[in-house]
Amino acid sequence: MQMMGVSDASYFRFAANPASLLYLCALGHDCSASSQLSIQMCLGLNGFQSRVEACGLDVESYLLNHHLSPNQVEDVLLVLEAMEVEYGS
């Protein structure tokens, strides 16, 4: 949050959570439509809220094209970029 100059934790968390998932995918985690992560998102397992629209989609497609608004995608991608700079890609 400090690195990006964000003081609102709830705003940051809203962008950081999907950015973290996209970061995992970029690092090579299985994020395909048949992956455990996609299935958990679809069925609402392990802390995810059930998202039927996620069923049959890979994590990136679901997040960027179905879950987030275009403005939210911009915020998430900024956080993702900061994560890649800070932690490596």
Protein backbone atom coordinates (compact mmCIF):
# COMPACT_ATOMS: atom_id res chain seq x y z
CA MET A 1 0.00 0.00 0.00
CA GLN A 2 2.79 2.40 0.91
CA MET A 3 4.68 1.74 -2.30
CA MET A 4 1.61 2.68 -4.35
CA GLY A 5 0.58 5.59 -2.13
CA VAL A 6 -2.76 4.04 -1.21
CA SER A 7 -4.14 4.72 2.25
CA ASP A 8 -7.54 3.04 1.99
CA ALA A 9 -7.04 -0.61 2.99
CA SER A 10 -10.43 -1.79 1.69
CA TYR A 11 -9.79 -0.21 -1.71
CA PHE A 12 -6.34 -1.76 -1.86
CA ARG A 13 -7.59 -5.18 -0.77
CA PHE A 14 -10.25 -5.08 -3.50
CA ALA A 15 -7.53 -4.68 -6.14
CA ALA A 16 -4.84 -6.74 -4.40
CA ASN A 17 -6.84 -9.95 -4.05
CA PRO A 18 -7.45 -10.49 -7.79
CA ALA A 19 -3.97 -9.14 -8.56
CA SER A 20 -2.52 -11.81 -6.27
CA LEU A 21 -4.37 -14.52 -8.16
CA LEU A 22 -3.14 -13.15 -11.49
CA TYR A 23 0.38 -13.00 -10.06
CA LEU A 24 0.19 -16.68 -9.13
CA CYS A 25 -0.92 -17.46 -12.67
CA ALA A 26 1.95 -15.41 -14.13
CA LEU A 27 4.38 -17.39 -11.97
CA GLY A 28 3.17 -20.62 -13.54
CA HIS A 29 0.49 -21.79 -11.10
CA ASP A 30 -2.17 -23.84 -12.89
CA CYS A 31 -4.95 -21.36 -13.60
CA SER A 32 -6.59 -23.24 -16.45
CA ALA A 33 -10.34 -23.82 -16.58
CA SER A 34 -9.84 -27.27 -15.08
CA SER A 35 -7.46 -26.16 -12.32
CA GLN A 36 -8.20 -26.46 -8.62
CA LEU A 37 -8.25 -22.67 -8.35
CA SER A 38 -10.85 -22.27 -11.09
CA ILE A 39 -12.99 -25.00 -9.59
CA GLN A 40 -12.77 -23.40 -6.14
CA MET A 41 -13.86 -20.07 -7.58
CA CYS A 42 -16.75 -21.70 -9.44
CA LEU A 43 -18.03 -23.75 -6.51
CA GLY A 44 -17.21 -21.31 -3.72
CA LEU A 45 -14.68 -23.47 -1.90
CA ASN A 46 -11.78 -22.46 0.40
CA GLY A 47 -12.94 -18.93 1.10
CA PHE A 48 -14.11 -18.05 -2.40
CA GLN A 49 -17.66 -16.87 -2.94
CA SER A 50 -19.44 -19.12 -5.41
CA ARG A 51 -19.30 -17.63 -8.89
CA VAL A 52 -21.22 -19.77 -11.37
CA GLU A 53 -20.03 -17.50 -14.20
CA ALA A 54 -16.46 -18.65 -13.39
CA CYS A 55 -17.30 -22.26 -14.17
CA GLY A 56 -15.51 -23.42 -17.31
CA LEU A 57 -13.24 -20.37 -17.53
CA ASP A 58 -9.58 -19.99 -16.71
CA VAL A 59 -8.79 -17.67 -13.81
CA GLU A 60 -7.45 -14.80 -15.92
CA SER A 61 -10.39 -14.80 -18.35
CA TYR A 62 -12.90 -14.88 -15.55
CA LEU A 63 -11.29 -12.09 -13.52
CA LEU A 64 -10.49 -9.73 -16.38
CA ASN A 65 -13.51 -10.31 -18.61
CA HIS A 66 -16.37 -11.28 -16.28
CA HIS A 67 -15.70 -10.38 -12.65
CA LEU A 68 -14.20 -6.89 -12.80
CA SER A 69 -15.39 -3.70 -14.46
CA PRO A 70 -13.00 -2.03 -16.95
CA ASN A 71 -12.00 0.54 -14.31
CA GLN A 72 -11.40 -2.19 -11.75
CA VAL A 73 -9.26 -4.08 -14.28
CA GLU A 74 -7.06 -0.99 -14.57
CA ASP A 75 -6.60 -0.85 -10.79
CA VAL A 76 -5.89 -4.57 -10.55
CA LEU A 77 -3.34 -4.43 -13.35
CA LEU A 78 -1.56 -1.54 -11.62
CA VAL A 79 -1.30 -3.58 -8.43
CA LEU A 80 -0.17 -6.62 -10.44
CA GLU A 81 2.54 -4.55 -12.11
CA ALA A 82 3.73 -3.28 -8.73
CA MET A 83 3.84 -6.85 -7.42
CA GLU A 84 5.89 -7.99 -10.39
CA VAL A 85 8.35 -5.11 -9.91
CA GLU A 86 8.61 -5.65 -6.15
CA TYR A 87 8.66 -9.44 -6.05
CA GLY A 88 9.87 -10.35 -9.54
CA SER A 89 8.09 -12.18 -12.29
